Amino acid sequence: MPTQKEILLSALRNTGAIATQYQRLKLGESATAVPYPTHLTQFGAKNQKISHVRHMCIHAEEFVENGDVEKAQRWLCFAQGVLWEIGAASIDEFRKINARL
């Protein structure tokens, strides 16, 4: 049976994969993972949102590895909320991804 850590890492990787696929197929862009500029108060274009979500998923894996599971879970929730908001995935898809969390 997978550990809580393994399940969370899997959810982060699956969420990152959804972002990558959306970026490539729907936006026609190469996949990027960059932090969102902190001086901005709201998201801009979809490509900025997707790049930031990918960045968050990658770095949240580091939080899990370093024992900060709660922070990783917060970042996962935010990333999934952004992907849902732009239509990259449905709530049901995320339920399946998060089923064992």
PDB file of N, CA and C in Angstrom:
ATOM      1  N   MET A   1       0.845  -1.176   0.000  1.00  0.00           N
ATOM      2  CA  MET A   1       0.000   0.000   0.000  1.00  0.00           C
ATOM      3  C   MET A   1       0.895   1.245   0.000  1.00  0.00           C
ATOM      4  N   PRO A   2       0.584   2.227  -0.872  1.00  0.00           N
ATOM      5  CA  PRO A   2       1.422   3.428  -0.966  1.00  0.00           C
ATOM      6  C   PRO A   2       1.305   4.281   0.304  1.00  0.00           C
ATOM      7  N   THR A   3       2.386   4.957   0.609  1.00  0.00           N
ATOM      8  CA  THR A   3       2.401   5.859   1.756  1.00  0.00           C
ATOM      9  C   THR A   3       1.723   7.181   1.391  1.00  0.00           C
ATOM     10  N   GLN A   4       1.395   7.969   2.398  1.00  0.00           N
ATOM     11  CA  GLN A   4       0.804   9.288   2.178  1.00  0.00           C
ATOM     12  C   GLN A   4       1.722  10.146   1.310  1.00  0.00           C
ATOM     13  N   LYS A   5       3.005  10.058   1.550  1.00  0.00           N
ATOM     14  CA  LYS A   5       3.994  10.806   0.781  1.00  0.00           C
ATOM     15  C   LYS A   5       3.958  10.400  -0.687  1.00  0.00           C
ATOM     16  N   GLU A   6       3.910   9.102  -0.964  1.00  0.00           N
ATOM     17  CA  GLU A   6       3.869   8.605  -2.345  1.00  0.00           C
ATOM     18  C   GLU A   6       2.584   9.039  -3.049  1.00  0.00           C
ATOM     19  N   ILE A   7       1.478   9.019  -2.323  1.00  0.00           N
ATOM     20  CA  ILE A   7       0.192   9.421  -2.904  1.00  0.00           C
ATOM     21  C   ILE A   7       0.213  10.907  -3.252  1.00  0.00           C
ATOM     22  N   LEU A   8       0.748  11.729  -2.350  1.00  0.00           N
ATOM     23  CA  LEU A   8       0.825  13.164  -2.609  1.00  0.00           C
ATOM     24  C   LEU A   8       1.751  13.467  -3.782  1.00  0.00           C
ATOM     25  N   LEU A   9       2.883  12.801  -3.841  1.00  0.00           N
ATOM     26  CA  LEU A   9       3.793  12.989  -4.980  1.00  0.00           C
ATOM     27  C   LEU A   9       3.124  12.594  -6.288  1.00  0.00           C
ATOM     28  N   SER A  10       2.368  11.513  -6.272  1.00  0.00           N
ATOM     29  CA  SER A  10       1.650  11.083  -7.468  1.00  0.00           C
ATOM     30  C   SER A  10       0.624  12.131  -7.903  1.00  0.00           C
ATOM     31  N   ALA A  11      -0.115  12.684  -6.940  1.00  0.00           N
ATOM     32  CA  ALA A  11      -1.100  13.718  -7.260  1.00  0.00           C
ATOM     33  C   ALA A  11      -0.433  14.952  -7.845  1.00  0.00           C
ATOM     34  N   LEU A  12       0.706  15.345  -7.283  1.00  0.00           N
ATOM     35  CA  LEU A  12       1.435  16.502  -7.815  1.00  0.00           C
ATOM     36  C   LEU A  12       1.924  16.247  -9.235  1.00  0.00           C
ATOM     37  N   ARG A  13       2.455  15.058  -9.468  1.00  0.00           N
ATOM     38  CA  ARG A  13       2.948  14.723 -10.813  1.00  0.00           C
ATOM     39  C   ARG A  13       1.806  14.659 -11.826  1.00  0.00           C
ATOM     40  N   ASN A  14       0.684  14.083 -11.433  1.00  0.00           N
ATOM     41  CA  ASN A  14      -0.471  14.011 -12.334  1.00  0.00           C
ATOM     42  C   ASN A  14      -1.040  15.391 -12.629  1.00  0.00           C
ATOM     43  N   THR A  15      -1.069  16.241 -11.631  1.00  0.00           N
ATOM     44  CA  THR A  15      -1.543  17.613 -11.834  1.00  0.00           C
ATOM     45  C   THR A  15      -0.589  18.372 -12.754  1.00  0.00           C
ATOM     46  N   GLY A  16       0.709  18.202 -12.549  1.00  0.00           N
ATOM     47  CA  GLY A  16       1.692  18.819 -13.436  1.00  0.00           C
ATOM     48  C   GLY A  16       1.567  18.317 -14.865  1.00  0.00           C
ATOM     49  N   ALA A  17       1.251  17.033 -15.017  1.00  0.00           N
ATOM     50  CA  ALA A  17       1.079  16.453 -16.354  1.00  0.00           C
ATOM     51  C   ALA A  17      -0.144  17.048 -17.058  1.00  0.00           C
ATOM     52  N   ILE A  18      -1.209  17.298 -16.315  1.00  0.00           N
ATOM     53  CA  ILE A  18      -2.390  17.938 -16.903  1.00  0.00           C
ATOM     54  C   ILE A  18      -2.017  19.327 -17.396  1.00  0.00           C
ATOM     55  N   ALA A  19      -1.260  20.066 -16.598  1.00  0.00           N
ATOM     56  CA  ALA A  19      -0.833  21.410 -17.000  1.00  0.00           C
ATOM     57  C   ALA A  19       0.038  21.356 -18.254  1.00  0.00           C
ATOM     58  N   THR A  20       0.963  20.414 -18.286  1.00  0.00           N
ATOM     59  CA  THR A  20       1.847  20.272 -19.454  1.00  0.00           C
ATOM     60  C   THR A  20       1.050  19.954 -20.706  1.00  0.00           C
ATOM     61  N   GLN A  21       0.140  19.006 -20.591  1.00  0.00           N
ATOM     62  CA  GLN A  21      -0.673  18.605 -21.743  1.00  0.00           C
ATOM     63  C   GLN A  21      -1.524  19.775 -22.227  1.00  0.00           C
ATOM     64  N   TYR A  22      -2.134  20.496 -21.323  1.00  0.00           N
ATOM     65  CA  TYR A  22      -2.960  21.647 -21.705  1.00  0.00           C
ATOM     66  C   TYR A  22      -2.108  22.696 -22.403  1.00  0.00           C
ATOM     67  N   GLN A  23      -0.940  22.961 -21.858  1.00  0.00           N
ATOM     68  CA  GLN A  23      -0.056  23.977 -22.434  1.00  0.00           C
ATOM     69  C   GLN A  23       0.336  23.604 -23.861  1.00  0.00           C
ATOM     70  N   ARG A  24       0.648  22.349 -24.075  1.00  0.00           N
ATOM     71  CA  ARG A  24       1.082  21.915 -25.407  1.00  0.00           C
ATOM     72  C   ARG A  24      -0.070  21.810 -26.398  1.00  0.00           C
ATOM     73  N   LEU A  25      -1.159  21.168 -25.978  1.00  0.00           N
ATOM     74  CA  LEU A  25      -2.246  20.877 -26.910  1.00  0.00           C
ATOM     75  C   LEU A  25      -3.211  22.039 -27.112  1.00  0.00           C
ATOM     76  N   LYS A  26      -3.564  22.726 -26.059  1.00  0.00           N
ATOM     77  CA  LYS A  26      -4.567  23.790 -26.163  1.00  0.00           C
ATOM     78  C   LYS A  26      -3.964  25.146 -26.485  1.00  0.00           C
ATOM     79  N   LEU A  27      -2.775  25.395 -25.973  1.00  0.00           N
ATOM     80  CA  LEU A  27      -2.159  26.696 -26.196  1.00  0.00           C
ATOM     81  C   LEU A  27      -1.100  26.660 -27.288  1.00  0.00           C
ATOM     82  N   GLY A  28      -0.714  25.446 -27.715  1.00  0.00           N
ATOM     83  CA  GLY A  28       0.268  25.315 -28.776  1.00  0.00           C
ATOM     84  C   GLY A  28       1.646  25.819 -28.393  1.00  0.00           C
ATOM     85  N   GLU A  29       1.983  25.697 -27.130  1.00  0.00           N
ATOM     86  CA  GLU A  29       3.259  26.204 -26.651  1.00  0.00           C
ATOM     87  C   GLU A  29       4.108  25.071 -26.110  1.00  0.00           C
ATOM     88  N   SER A  30       5.403  25.304 -26.080  1.00  0.00           N
ATOM     89  CA  SER A  30       6.265  24.348 -25.402  1.00  0.00           C
ATOM     90  C   SER A  30       6.018  24.494 -23.903  1.00  0.00           C
ATOM     91  N   ALA A  31       6.203  23.418 -23.191  1.00  0.00           N
ATOM     92  CA  ALA A  31       5.934  23.424 -21.757  1.00  0.00           C
ATOM     93  C   ALA A  31       7.008  24.194 -21.006  1.00  0.00           C
ATOM     94  N   THR A  32       6.580  25.153 -20.229  1.00  0.00           N
ATOM     95  CA  THR A  32       7.489  25.924 -19.397  1.00  0.00           C
ATOM     96  C   THR A  32       7.025  25.841 -17.949  1.00  0.00           C
ATOM     97  N   ALA A  33       7.935  26.079 -17.044  1.00  0.00           N
ATOM     98  CA  ALA A  33       7.615  26.094 -15.614  1.00  0.00           C
ATOM     99  C   ALA A  33       8.351  27.265 -14.992  1.00  0.00           C
ATOM    100  N   VAL A  34       7.647  28.366 -14.809  1.00  0.00           N
ATOM    101  CA  VAL A  34       8.271  29.560 -14.251  1.00  0.00           C
ATOM    102  C   VAL A  34       7.412  30.122 -13.128  1.00  0.00           C
ATOM    103  N   PRO A  35       8.060  30.730 -12.120  1.00  0.00           N
ATOM    104  CA  PRO A  35       7.274  31.356 -11.059  1.00  0.00           C
ATOM    105  C   PRO A  35       6.531  32.575 -11.595  1.00  0.00           C
ATOM    106  N   TYR A  36       5.393  32.846 -11.009  1.00  0.00           N
ATOM    107  CA  TYR A  36       4.620  34.016 -11.407  1.00  0.00           C
ATOM    108  C   TYR A  36       5.240  35.248 -10.775  1.00  0.00           C
ATOM    109  N   PRO A  37       5.328  36.355 -11.508  1.00  0.00           N
ATOM    110  CA  PRO A  37       5.918  37.566 -10.934  1.00  0.00           C
ATOM    111  C   PRO A  37       5.170  37.989  -9.663  1.00  0.00           C
ATOM    112  N   THR A  38       5.879  38.103  -8.560  1.00  0.00           N
ATOM    113  CA  THR A  38       5.241  38.384  -7.276  1.00  0.00           C
ATOM    114  C   THR A  38       4.690  39.798  -7.163  1.00  0.00           C
ATOM    115  N   HIS A  39       5.105  40.687  -8.017  1.00  0.00           N
ATOM    116  CA  HIS A  39       4.613  42.059  -7.931  1.00  0.00           C
ATOM    117  C   HIS A  39       3.233  42.217  -8.566  1.00  0.00           C
ATOM    118  N   LEU A  40       2.749  41.216  -9.264  1.00  0.00           N
ATOM    119  CA  LEU A  40       1.432  41.282  -9.877  1.00  0.00           C
ATOM    120  C   LEU A  40       0.386  40.743  -8.910  1.00  0.00           C
ATOM    121  N   THR A  41      -0.783  41.352  -8.904  1.00  0.00           N
ATOM    122  CA  THR A  41      -1.808  40.959  -7.947  1.00  0.00           C
ATOM    123  C   THR A  41      -2.790  39.939  -8.502  1.00  0.00           C
ATOM    124  N   GLN A  42      -2.791  39.732  -9.784  1.00  0.00           N
ATOM    125  CA  GLN A  42      -3.683  38.731 -10.360  1.00  0.00           C
ATOM    126  C   GLN A  42      -3.039  38.099 -11.584  1.00  0.00           C
ATOM    127  N   PHE A  43      -3.563  36.948 -11.949  1.00  0.00           N
ATOM    128  CA  PHE A  43      -3.019  36.239 -13.104  1.00  0.00           C
ATOM    129  C   PHE A  43      -3.309  36.973 -14.399  1.00  0.00           C
ATOM    130  N   GLY A  44      -2.429  36.795 -15.329  1.00  0.00           N
ATOM    131  CA  GLY A  44      -2.610  37.342 -16.665  1.00  0.00           C
ATOM    132  C   GLY A  44      -3.169  36.277 -17.587  1.00  0.00           C
ATOM    133  N   ALA A  45      -2.472  36.034 -18.661  1.00  0.00           N
ATOM    134  CA  ALA A  45      -2.921  35.110 -19.690  1.00  0.00           C
ATOM    135  C   ALA A  45      -2.827  33.660 -19.225  1.00  0.00           C
ATOM    136  N   LYS A  46      -3.546  32.787 -19.930  1.00  0.00           N
ATOM    137  CA  LYS A  46      -3.547  31.367 -19.580  1.00  0.00           C
ATOM    138  C   LYS A  46      -2.148  30.765 -19.583  1.00  0.00           C
ATOM    139  N   ASN A  47      -1.299  31.187 -20.512  1.00  0.00           N
ATOM    140  CA  ASN A  47       0.049  30.615 -20.552  1.00  0.00           C
ATOM    141  C   ASN A  47       0.826  30.942 -19.286  1.00  0.00           C
ATOM    142  N   GLN A  48       0.601  32.113 -18.708  1.00  0.00           N
ATOM    143  CA  GLN A  48       1.256  32.457 -17.446  1.00  0.00           C
ATOM    144  C   GLN A  48       0.734  31.576 -16.312  1.00  0.00           C
ATOM    145  N   LYS A  49      -0.564  31.341 -16.312  1.00  0.00           N
ATOM    146  CA  LYS A  49      -1.174  30.497 -15.280  1.00  0.00           C
ATOM    147  C   LYS A  49      -0.602  29.085 -15.335  1.00  0.00           C
ATOM    148  N   ILE A  50      -0.568  28.529 -16.545  1.00  0.00           N
ATOM    149  CA  ILE A  50      -0.088  27.162 -16.716  1.00  0.00           C
ATOM    150  C   ILE A  50       1.386  27.052 -16.327  1.00  0.00           C
ATOM    151  N   SER A  51       2.197  27.985 -16.757  1.00  0.00           N
ATOM    152  CA  SER A  51       3.620  27.950 -16.411  1.00  0.00           C
ATOM    153  C   SER A  51       3.811  28.000 -14.900  1.00  0.00           C
ATOM    154  N   HIS A  52       3.020  28.829 -14.242  1.00  0.00           N
ATOM    155  CA  HIS A  52       3.138  28.938 -12.790  1.00  0.00           C
ATOM    156  C   HIS A  52       2.665  27.663 -12.093  1.00  0.00           C
ATOM    157  N   VAL A  53       1.595  27.078 -12.580  1.00  0.00           N
ATOM    158  CA  VAL A  53       1.106  25.818 -12.005  1.00  0.00           C
ATOM    159  C   VAL A  53       2.169  24.732 -12.138  1.00  0.00           C
ATOM    160  N   ARG A  54       2.801  24.634 -13.293  1.00  0.00           N
ATOM    161  CA  ARG A  54       3.861  23.634 -13.474  1.00  0.00           C
ATOM    162  C   ARG A  54       5.010  23.894 -12.504  1.00  0.00           C
ATOM    163  N   HIS A  55       5.380  25.151 -12.354  1.00  0.00           N
ATOM    164  CA  HIS A  55       6.427  25.524 -11.401  1.00  0.00           C
ATOM    165  C   HIS A  55       6.038  25.095  -9.985  1.00  0.00           C
ATOM    166  N   MET A  56       4.809  25.351  -9.607  1.00  0.00           N
ATOM    167  CA  MET A  56       4.342  25.000  -8.260  1.00  0.00           C
ATOM    168  C   MET A  56       4.379  23.487  -8.032  1.00  0.00           C
ATOM    169  N   CYS A  57       3.934  22.716  -9.011  1.00  0.00           N
ATOM    170  CA  CYS A  57       3.918  21.255  -8.860  1.00  0.00           C
ATOM    171  C   CYS A  57       5.339  20.699  -8.693  1.00  0.00           C
ATOM    172  N   ILE A  58       6.257  21.229  -9.462  1.00  0.00           N
ATOM    173  CA  ILE A  58       7.652  20.785  -9.367  1.00  0.00           C
ATOM    174  C   ILE A  58       8.224  21.105  -7.988  1.00  0.00           C
ATOM    175  N   HIS A  59       8.015  22.326  -7.528  1.00  0.00           N
ATOM    176  CA  HIS A  59       8.586  22.729  -6.243  1.00  0.00           C
ATOM    177  C   HIS A  59       7.855  22.108  -5.057  1.00  0.00           C
ATOM    178  N   ALA A  60       6.583  21.823  -5.208  1.00  0.00           N
ATOM    179  CA  ALA A  60       5.840  21.173  -4.121  1.00  0.00           C
ATOM    180  C   ALA A  60       6.372  19.767  -3.870  1.00  0.00           C
ATOM    181  N   GLU A  61       6.880  19.117  -4.904  1.00  0.00           N
ATOM    182  CA  GLU A  61       7.505  17.799  -4.702  1.00  0.00           C
ATOM    183  C   GLU A  61       8.694  17.920  -3.749  1.00  0.00           C
ATOM    184  N   GLU A  62       9.429  19.012  -3.852  1.00  0.00           N
ATOM    185  CA  GLU A  62      10.563  19.246  -2.947  1.00  0.00           C
ATOM    186  C   GLU A  62      10.076  19.424  -1.511  1.00  0.00           C
ATOM    187  N   PHE A  63       8.925  20.074  -1.332  1.00  0.00           N
ATOM    188  CA  PHE A  63       8.372  20.244   0.012  1.00  0.00           C
ATOM    189  C   PHE A  63       8.057  18.883   0.632  1.00  0.00           C
ATOM    190  N   VAL A  64       7.479  17.998  -0.171  1.00  0.00           N
ATOM    191  CA  VAL A  64       7.150  16.654   0.323  1.00  0.00           C
ATOM    192  C   VAL A  64       8.424  15.940   0.751  1.00  0.00           C
ATOM    193  N   GLU A  65       9.430  15.995  -0.095  1.00  0.00           N
ATOM    194  CA  GLU A  65      10.698  15.320   0.198  1.00  0.00           C
ATOM    195  C   GLU A  65      11.355  15.873   1.466  1.00  0.00           C
ATOM    196  N   ASN A  66      11.116  17.159   1.756  1.00  0.00           N
ATOM    197  CA  ASN A  66      11.702  17.790   2.934  1.00  0.00           C
ATOM    198  C   ASN A  66      10.784  17.739   4.157  1.00  0.00           C
ATOM    199  N   GLY A  67       9.657  17.043   4.037  1.00  0.00           N
ATOM    200  CA  GLY A  67       8.763  16.854   5.175  1.00  0.00           C
ATOM    201  C   GLY A  67       7.698  17.910   5.373  1.00  0.00           C
ATOM    202  N   ASP A  68       7.588  18.886   4.480  1.00  0.00           N
ATOM    203  CA  ASP A  68       6.570  19.927   4.608  1.00  0.00           C
ATOM    204  C   ASP A  68       5.337  19.545   3.781  1.00  0.00           C
ATOM    205  N   VAL A  69       4.662  18.499   4.228  1.00  0.00           N
ATOM    206  CA  VAL A  69       3.513  17.946   3.504  1.00  0.00           C
ATOM    207  C   VAL A  69       2.359  18.945   3.449  1.00  0.00           C
ATOM    208  N   GLU A  70       2.116  19.653   4.531  1.00  0.00           N
ATOM    209  CA  GLU A  70       1.002  20.607   4.550  1.00  0.00           C
ATOM    210  C   GLU A  70       1.165  21.695   3.490  1.00  0.00           C
ATOM    211  N   LYS A  71       2.360  22.217   3.341  1.00  0.00           N
ATOM    212  CA  LYS A  71       2.605  23.232   2.316  1.00  0.00           C
ATOM    213  C   LYS A  71       2.410  22.636   0.928  1.00  0.00           C
ATOM    214  N   ALA A  72       2.886  21.425   0.719  1.00  0.00           N
ATOM    215  CA  ALA A  72       2.706  20.758  -0.575  1.00  0.00           C
ATOM    216  C   ALA A  72       1.223  20.565  -0.880  1.00  0.00           C
ATOM    217  N   GLN A  73       0.442  20.204   0.126  1.00  0.00           N
ATOM    218  CA  GLN A  73      -0.995  20.020  -0.085  1.00  0.00           C
ATOM    219  C   GLN A  73      -1.681  21.337  -0.432  1.00  0.00           C
ATOM    220  N   ARG A  74      -1.268  22.423   0.207  1.00  0.00           N
ATOM    221  CA  ARG A  74      -1.830  23.745  -0.126  1.00  0.00           C
ATOM    222  C   ARG A  74      -1.507  24.115  -1.569  1.00  0.00           C
ATOM    223  N   TRP A  75      -0.265  23.882  -1.971  1.00  0.00           N
ATOM    224  CA  TRP A  75       0.136  24.207  -3.342  1.00  0.00           C
ATOM    225  C   TRP A  75      -0.610  23.335  -4.344  1.00  0.00           C
ATOM    226  N   LEU A  76      -0.805  22.070  -4.024  1.00  0.00           N
ATOM    227  CA  LEU A  76      -1.561  21.172  -4.895  1.00  0.00           C
ATOM    228  C   LEU A  76      -2.984  21.692  -5.068  1.00  0.00           C
ATOM    229  N   CYS A  77      -3.624  22.069  -3.964  1.00  0.00           N
ATOM    230  CA  CYS A  77      -5.000  22.583  -4.041  1.00  0.00           C
ATOM    231  C   CYS A  77      -5.076  23.835  -4.904  1.00  0.00           C
ATOM    232  N   PHE A  78      -4.132  24.742  -4.727  1.00  0.00           N
ATOM    233  CA  PHE A  78      -4.121  25.967  -5.529  1.00  0.00           C
ATOM    234  C   PHE A  78      -3.936  25.633  -7.009  1.00  0.00           C
ATOM    235  N   ALA A  79      -2.963  24.773  -7.298  1.00  0.00           N
ATOM    236  CA  ALA A  79      -2.679  24.403  -8.690  1.00  0.00           C
ATOM    237  C   ALA A  79      -3.899  23.768  -9.345  1.00  0.00           C
ATOM    238  N   GLN A  80      -4.560  22.870  -8.635  1.00  0.00           N
ATOM    239  CA  GLN A  80      -5.743  22.227  -9.194  1.00  0.00           C
ATOM    240  C   GLN A  80      -6.880  23.229  -9.378  1.00  0.00           C
ATOM    241  N   GLY A  81      -7.003  24.182  -8.478  1.00  0.00           N
ATOM    242  CA  GLY A  81      -8.028  25.220  -8.626  1.00  0.00           C
ATOM    243  C   GLY A  81      -7.811  26.069  -9.866  1.00  0.00           C
ATOM    244  N   VAL A  82      -6.566  26.413 -10.130  1.00  0.00           N
ATOM    245  CA  VAL A  82      -6.253  27.193 -11.337  1.00  0.00           C
ATOM    246  C   VAL A  82      -6.574  26.378 -12.579  1.00  0.00           C
ATOM    247  N   LEU A  83      -6.168  25.119 -12.597  1.00  0.00           N
ATOM    248  CA  LEU A  83      -6.437  24.274 -13.771  1.00  0.00           C
ATOM    249  C   LEU A  83      -7.932  24.084 -13.995  1.00  0.00           C
ATOM    250  N   TRP A  84      -8.692  23.962 -12.918  1.00  0.00           N
ATOM    251  CA  TRP A  84     -10.145  23.844 -13.043  1.00  0.00           C
ATOM    252  C   TRP A  84     -10.722  25.149 -13.601  1.00  0.00           C
ATOM    253  N   GLU A  85     -10.235  26.278 -13.090  1.00  0.00           N
ATOM    254  CA  GLU A  85     -10.756  27.585 -13.501  1.00  0.00           C
ATOM    255  C   GLU A  85     -10.562  27.841 -14.991  1.00  0.00           C
ATOM    256  N   ILE A  86      -9.460  27.396 -15.550  1.00  0.00           N
ATOM    257  CA  ILE A  86      -9.229  27.646 -16.979  1.00  0.00           C
ATOM    258  C   ILE A  86      -9.804  26.539 -17.866  1.00  0.00           C
ATOM    259  N   GLY A  87     -10.357  25.504 -17.238  1.00  0.00           N
ATOM    260  CA  GLY A  87     -10.986  24.436 -18.015  1.00  0.00           C
ATOM    261  C   GLY A  87     -10.048  23.327 -18.445  1.00  0.00           C
ATOM    262  N   ALA A  88      -8.887  23.214 -17.810  1.00  0.00           N
ATOM    263  CA  ALA A  88      -7.925  22.174 -18.182  1.00  0.00           C
ATOM    264  C   ALA A  88      -8.335  20.802 -17.657  1.00  0.00           C
ATOM    265  N   ALA A  89      -9.115  20.776 -16.590  1.00  0.00           N
ATOM    266  CA  ALA A  89      -9.565  19.509 -16.010  1.00  0.00           C
ATOM    267  C   ALA A  89     -10.834  19.763 -15.202  1.00  0.00           C
ATOM    268  N   SER A  90     -11.570  18.701 -14.984  1.00  0.00           N
ATOM    269  CA  SER A  90     -12.824  18.814 -14.233  1.00  0.00           C
ATOM    270  C   SER A  90     -12.604  18.460 -12.761  1.00  0.00           C
ATOM    271  N   ILE A  91     -13.569  18.792 -11.958  1.00  0.00           N
ATOM    272  CA  ILE A  91     -13.527  18.423 -10.542  1.00  0.00           C
ATOM    273  C   ILE A  91     -13.459  16.904 -10.407  1.00  0.00           C
ATOM    274  N   ASP A  92     -14.207  16.182 -11.240  1.00  0.00           N
ATOM    275  CA  ASP A  92     -14.179  14.713 -11.183  1.00  0.00           C
ATOM    276  C   ASP A  92     -12.794  14.158 -11.490  1.00  0.00           C
ATOM    277  N   GLU A  93     -12.097  14.763 -12.448  1.00  0.00           N
ATOM    278  CA  GLU A  93     -10.730  14.311 -12.752  1.00  0.00           C
ATOM    279  C   GLU A  93      -9.819  14.491 -11.541  1.00  0.00           C
ATOM    280  N   PHE A  94      -9.962  15.620 -10.857  1.00  0.00           N
ATOM    281  CA  PHE A  94      -9.138  15.853  -9.677  1.00  0.00           C
ATOM    282  C   PHE A  94      -9.548  14.943  -8.520  1.00  0.00           C
ATOM    283  N   ARG A  95     -10.820  14.616  -8.417  1.00  0.00           N
ATOM    284  CA  ARG A  95     -11.250  13.657  -7.386  1.00  0.00           C
ATOM    285  C   ARG A  95     -10.531  12.330  -7.582  1.00  0.00           C
ATOM    286  N   LYS A  96     -10.415  11.896  -8.818  1.00  0.00           N
ATOM    287  CA  LYS A  96      -9.733  10.636  -9.103  1.00  0.00           C
ATOM    288  C   LYS A  96      -8.250  10.725  -8.751  1.00  0.00           C
ATOM    289  N   ILE A  97      -7.631  11.839  -9.104  1.00  0.00           N
ATOM    290  CA  ILE A  97      -6.219  12.046  -8.807  1.00  0.00           C
ATOM    291  C   ILE A  97      -5.974  12.051  -7.301  1.00  0.00           C
ATOM    292  N   ASN A  98      -6.895  12.661  -6.552  1.00  0.00           N
ATOM    293  CA  ASN A  98      -6.732  12.856  -5.121  1.00  0.00           C
ATOM    294  C   ASN A  98      -7.408  11.773  -4.288  1.00  0.00           C
ATOM    295  N   ALA A  99      -7.922  10.744  -4.916  1.00  0.00           N
ATOM    296  CA  ALA A  99      -8.781   9.774  -4.228  1.00  0.00           C
ATOM    297  C   ALA A  99      -8.191   9.211  -2.950  1.00  0.00           C
ATOM    298  N   ARG A 100      -6.901   9.019  -2.903  1.00  0.00           N
ATOM    299  CA  ARG A 100      -6.292   8.373  -1.730  1.00  0.00           C
ATOM    300  C   ARG A 100      -5.619   9.362  -0.779  1.00  0.00           C
ATOM    301  N   LEU A 101      -5.743  10.655  -1.052  1.00  0.00           N
ATOM    302  CA  LEU A 101      -5.102  11.643  -0.162  1.00  0.00           C
ATOM    303  C   LEU A 101      -5.849  11.767   1.146  1.00  0.00           C
TER     304      LEU A 101
END
